[in-house]
Amino acid sequence: MKKTATRYPSYDVTDEQSAWDEHTRSIVLSRLHTSGSHRFLTEVETGTLRACCCQLLDEHRPEIIQFVLDHIDHKLCGGQESERKPGVPPQAELVRRGLRALDAACQAMYTNRYFHLDDDRKKQLLSDISIGESVPYEPWEGVPQAVFFQKLLTLAVEGCYSHPKVWSEIGYGGPAYPRGYVRMKQLDPWEAREEDRRGNT
């Protein structure tokens, strides 16, 4: 497993939780405790989605990926979308049909499920899907491959970058409410500062 590179190795955004209101604190800290139980995704869909997210995010830490899966499951159960182009299925239907098409395509080509393939094949399949060229075409009938890929990527990135551990790694200071940011052209005292390899700022 690769070591995550960060310019803020000593920073932990949760150290600032005393500055958040109770509602904000409960939401952020809940993201550190994943359930692993899903209301929408089936066991096979979860396995396929997990493997996809690991490739899309180049991320393999179980706690991060599990949170991403929980986040996506919650979004798919909610039924709310910010926007959707004409002719594109609702996101829950799109993701389900896409995951099933991917599984069927893998079994047709490799007699194996997506999550059992090696990384090179996983990456190539996602690359093909991103441009709508995954074969065989039969499992993908009625599923817009590129749209499915973009939806998966959007949901995965959205989930990943709302996890407190990832916030700490990129130096994000967390919720501004109710404390707010004071300085415009320099860091506030509580914000992350870049460190060198020796841990010096």
Protein backbone atom coordinates (compact mmCIF):
# COMPACT_ATOMS: atom_id res chain seq x y z
CA MET A 1 0.00 0.00 0.00
CA LYS A 2 1.47 3.34 -1.02
CA LYS A 3 2.17 5.97 1.60
CA THR A 4 -0.01 9.03 1.18
CA ALA A 5 2.04 12.15 0.43
CA THR A 6 1.09 15.26 2.39
CA ARG A 7 2.68 18.61 3.06
CA TYR A 8 0.91 18.74 6.42
CA PRO A 9 1.99 15.57 8.28
CA SER A 10 1.40 17.06 11.75
CA TYR A 11 -1.97 18.64 10.98
CA ASP A 12 -5.23 17.08 12.13
CA VAL A 13 -8.35 19.06 11.32
CA THR A 14 -10.25 17.40 14.17
CA ASP A 15 -7.99 19.20 16.65
CA GLU A 16 -10.08 22.27 15.77
CA GLN A 17 -13.43 20.69 16.61
CA SER A 18 -13.91 22.85 19.69
CA ALA A 19 -14.41 25.80 17.30
CA TRP A 20 -17.31 24.08 15.51
CA ASP A 21 -20.90 24.14 16.69
CA GLU A 22 -22.41 20.90 17.97
CA HIS A 23 -24.32 20.12 14.78
CA THR A 24 -21.26 20.62 12.55
CA ARG A 25 -19.04 18.65 14.92
CA SER A 26 -21.42 15.68 14.96
CA ILE A 27 -21.58 15.57 11.15
CA VAL A 28 -17.81 15.79 10.64
CA LEU A 29 -16.88 13.28 13.35
CA SER A 30 -19.51 10.81 12.15
CA ARG A 31 -17.49 10.50 8.94
CA LEU A 32 -14.73 8.79 10.90
CA HIS A 33 -17.04 5.89 11.76
CA THR A 34 -18.32 3.96 8.77
CA SER A 35 -21.14 1.47 9.03
CA GLY A 36 -20.47 -0.86 6.09
CA SER A 37 -24.21 -1.56 5.89
CA HIS A 38 -25.92 -0.31 2.76
CA ARG A 39 -29.57 0.27 1.94
CA PHE A 40 -29.21 0.51 -1.84
CA LEU A 41 -26.12 -1.39 -2.94
CA THR A 42 -26.12 -5.18 -3.08
CA GLU A 43 -23.08 -7.19 -1.98
CA VAL A 44 -21.83 -7.68 -5.55
CA GLU A 45 -22.49 -4.05 -6.46
CA THR A 46 -20.57 -2.98 -3.37
CA GLY A 47 -17.59 -5.14 -4.37
CA THR A 48 -17.61 -3.77 -7.91
CA LEU A 49 -17.98 -0.19 -6.72
CA ARG A 50 -15.22 -0.61 -4.15
CA ALA A 51 -12.81 -1.79 -6.85
CA CYS A 52 -13.86 1.07 -9.15
CA CYS A 53 -13.37 3.70 -6.45
CA CYS A 54 -9.91 2.37 -5.57
CA GLN A 55 -8.90 2.86 -9.20
CA LEU A 56 -10.63 6.19 -9.74
CA LEU A 57 -9.16 7.73 -6.59
CA ASP A 58 -5.85 5.81 -6.50
CA GLU A 59 -6.84 5.19 -2.90
CA HIS A 60 -6.77 1.87 -1.05
CA ARG A 61 -7.09 2.76 2.64
CA PRO A 62 -10.09 0.78 3.91
CA GLU A 63 -11.47 3.57 6.11
CA ILE A 64 -11.47 6.09 3.26
CA ILE A 65 -12.91 3.74 0.64
CA GLN A 66 -15.58 2.47 3.04
CA PHE A 67 -16.66 6.03 3.75
CA VAL A 68 -16.83 6.72 0.01
CA LEU A 69 -19.05 3.65 -0.44
CA ASP A 70 -21.30 4.71 2.44
CA HIS A 71 -21.50 8.21 0.96
CA ILE A 72 -22.47 6.90 -2.48
CA ASP A 73 -25.04 4.50 -1.04
CA HIS A 74 -26.60 7.38 0.90
CA LYS A 75 -26.72 9.57 -2.21
CA LEU A 76 -28.31 6.82 -4.28
CA CYS A 77 -30.96 6.23 -1.62
CA GLY A 78 -31.80 9.91 -1.39
CA GLY A 79 -33.12 10.29 -4.90
CA GLN A 80 -32.04 13.93 -5.14
CA GLU A 81 -29.85 15.24 -7.96
CA SER A 82 -28.61 18.74 -8.65
CA GLU A 83 -29.04 18.30 -12.39
CA ARG A 84 -29.58 15.62 -15.02
CA LYS A 85 -29.46 15.88 -18.80
CA PRO A 86 -32.51 14.83 -20.85
CA GLY A 87 -32.51 11.12 -21.65
CA VAL A 88 -30.12 10.20 -18.82
CA PRO A 89 -31.57 7.80 -16.22
CA PRO A 90 -31.83 8.94 -12.58
CA GLN A 91 -28.48 8.48 -10.84
CA ALA A 92 -29.60 5.47 -8.78
CA GLU A 93 -30.77 3.68 -11.91
CA LEU A 94 -27.72 4.79 -13.89
CA VAL A 95 -25.25 3.53 -11.30
CA ARG A 96 -27.05 0.22 -10.75
CA ARG A 97 -27.36 -0.52 -14.45
CA GLY A 98 -23.77 0.54 -15.04
CA LEU A 99 -22.35 -1.64 -12.28
CA ARG A 100 -24.35 -4.62 -13.51
CA ALA A 101 -23.25 -4.00 -17.10
CA LEU A 102 -19.62 -3.83 -15.97
CA ASP A 103 -19.98 -7.10 -14.08
CA ALA A 104 -21.64 -8.79 -17.06
CA ALA A 105 -18.99 -7.49 -19.47
CA CYS A 106 -16.18 -8.79 -17.24
CA GLN A 107 -17.75 -12.20 -16.95
CA ALA A 108 -18.25 -12.36 -20.72
CA MET A 109 -14.62 -11.40 -21.44
CA TYR A 110 -12.74 -12.89 -18.50
CA THR A 111 -15.24 -15.26 -16.82
CA ASN A 112 -14.54 -13.26 -13.68
CA ARG A 113 -15.95 -10.33 -11.76
CA TYR A 114 -14.45 -6.86 -12.02
CA PHE A 115 -13.14 -6.86 -8.46
CA HIS A 116 -11.19 -10.09 -9.15
CA LEU A 117 -9.27 -8.65 -12.12
CA ASP A 118 -5.72 -7.34 -11.92
CA ASP A 119 -5.18 -3.58 -11.69
CA ASP A 120 -4.10 -3.17 -15.32
CA ARG A 121 -7.34 -4.68 -16.61
CA LYS A 122 -9.40 -2.68 -14.13
CA LYS A 123 -7.78 0.55 -15.28
CA GLN A 124 -8.18 -0.30 -18.95
CA LEU A 125 -11.86 -1.12 -18.52
CA LEU A 126 -12.52 2.19 -16.76
CA SER A 127 -10.59 4.01 -19.46
CA ASP A 128 -12.71 2.34 -22.15
CA ILE A 129 -15.92 3.15 -20.28
CA SER A 130 -14.89 6.80 -19.92
CA ILE A 131 -15.00 7.19 -23.70
CA GLY A 132 -17.94 4.85 -24.26
CA GLU A 133 -15.89 2.09 -25.88
CA SER A 134 -16.09 -0.82 -23.45
CA VAL A 135 -16.81 -4.17 -25.10
CA PRO A 136 -18.72 -6.37 -25.49
CA TYR A 137 -21.42 -3.82 -26.25
CA GLU A 138 -24.41 -6.05 -25.44
CA PRO A 139 -24.27 -5.65 -21.62
CA TRP A 140 -24.07 -1.88 -22.07
CA GLU A 141 -27.18 -1.57 -24.22
CA GLY A 142 -29.21 1.33 -22.85
CA VAL A 143 -26.40 2.41 -20.48
CA PRO A 144 -24.50 5.57 -21.51
CA GLN A 145 -21.00 4.45 -20.58
CA ALA A 146 -19.28 7.85 -20.45
CA VAL A 147 -22.12 9.35 -18.41
CA PHE A 148 -21.96 6.41 -16.00
CA PHE A 149 -18.20 6.86 -15.65
CA GLN A 150 -18.54 10.59 -14.96
CA LYS A 151 -21.23 9.96 -12.35
CA LEU A 152 -19.06 7.40 -10.57
CA LEU A 153 -16.07 9.73 -10.65
CA THR A 154 -18.10 12.65 -9.32
CA LEU A 155 -19.61 10.67 -6.46
CA ALA A 156 -16.27 9.07 -5.53
CA VAL A 157 -14.36 12.37 -5.46
CA GLU A 158 -17.20 14.05 -3.58
CA GLY A 159 -17.08 11.37 -0.90
CA CYS A 160 -13.29 11.19 -0.66
CA TYR A 161 -12.79 14.92 -0.22
CA SER A 162 -15.40 15.19 2.51
CA HIS A 163 -13.48 12.82 4.80
CA PRO A 164 -11.66 14.58 7.71
CA LYS A 165 -8.48 12.55 7.21
CA VAL A 166 -8.25 13.74 3.61
CA TRP A 167 -8.96 17.31 4.75
CA SER A 168 -5.96 17.07 7.06
CA GLU A 169 -3.73 15.73 4.29
CA ILE A 170 -4.54 18.60 1.92
CA GLY A 171 -4.37 21.22 4.66
CA TYR A 172 -8.04 22.13 4.57
CA GLY A 173 -9.13 23.85 7.77
CA GLY A 174 -12.57 22.34 7.92
CA PRO A 175 -15.90 24.12 8.43
CA ALA A 176 -15.63 27.88 8.67
CA TYR A 177 -18.85 28.21 10.66
CA PRO A 178 -19.19 29.63 13.26
CA ARG A 179 -15.60 30.86 13.69
CA GLY A 180 -15.06 32.08 10.14
CA TYR A 181 -11.86 33.07 8.38
CA VAL A 182 -10.36 36.39 9.47
CA ARG A 183 -7.29 36.95 7.32
CA MET A 184 -7.57 37.28 3.55
CA LYS A 185 -3.94 37.19 2.35
CA GLN A 186 -2.33 35.12 5.07
CA LEU A 187 -3.17 32.07 7.14
CA ASP A 188 -5.20 32.30 10.31
CA PRO A 189 -3.34 30.94 13.37
CA TRP A 190 -5.37 27.72 13.36
CA GLU A 191 -4.89 26.87 9.67
CA ALA A 192 -2.49 24.20 8.39
CA ARG A 193 1.05 25.21 7.48
CA GLU A 194 3.26 23.36 5.05
CA GLU A 195 6.09 21.38 6.62
CA ASP A 196 9.36 20.14 5.23
CA ARG A 197 10.41 16.49 5.50
CA ARG A 198 11.75 17.12 9.00
CA GLY A 199 8.41 18.43 10.19
CA ASN A 200 9.50 22.09 10.25
CA THR A 201 7.07 24.76 9.06
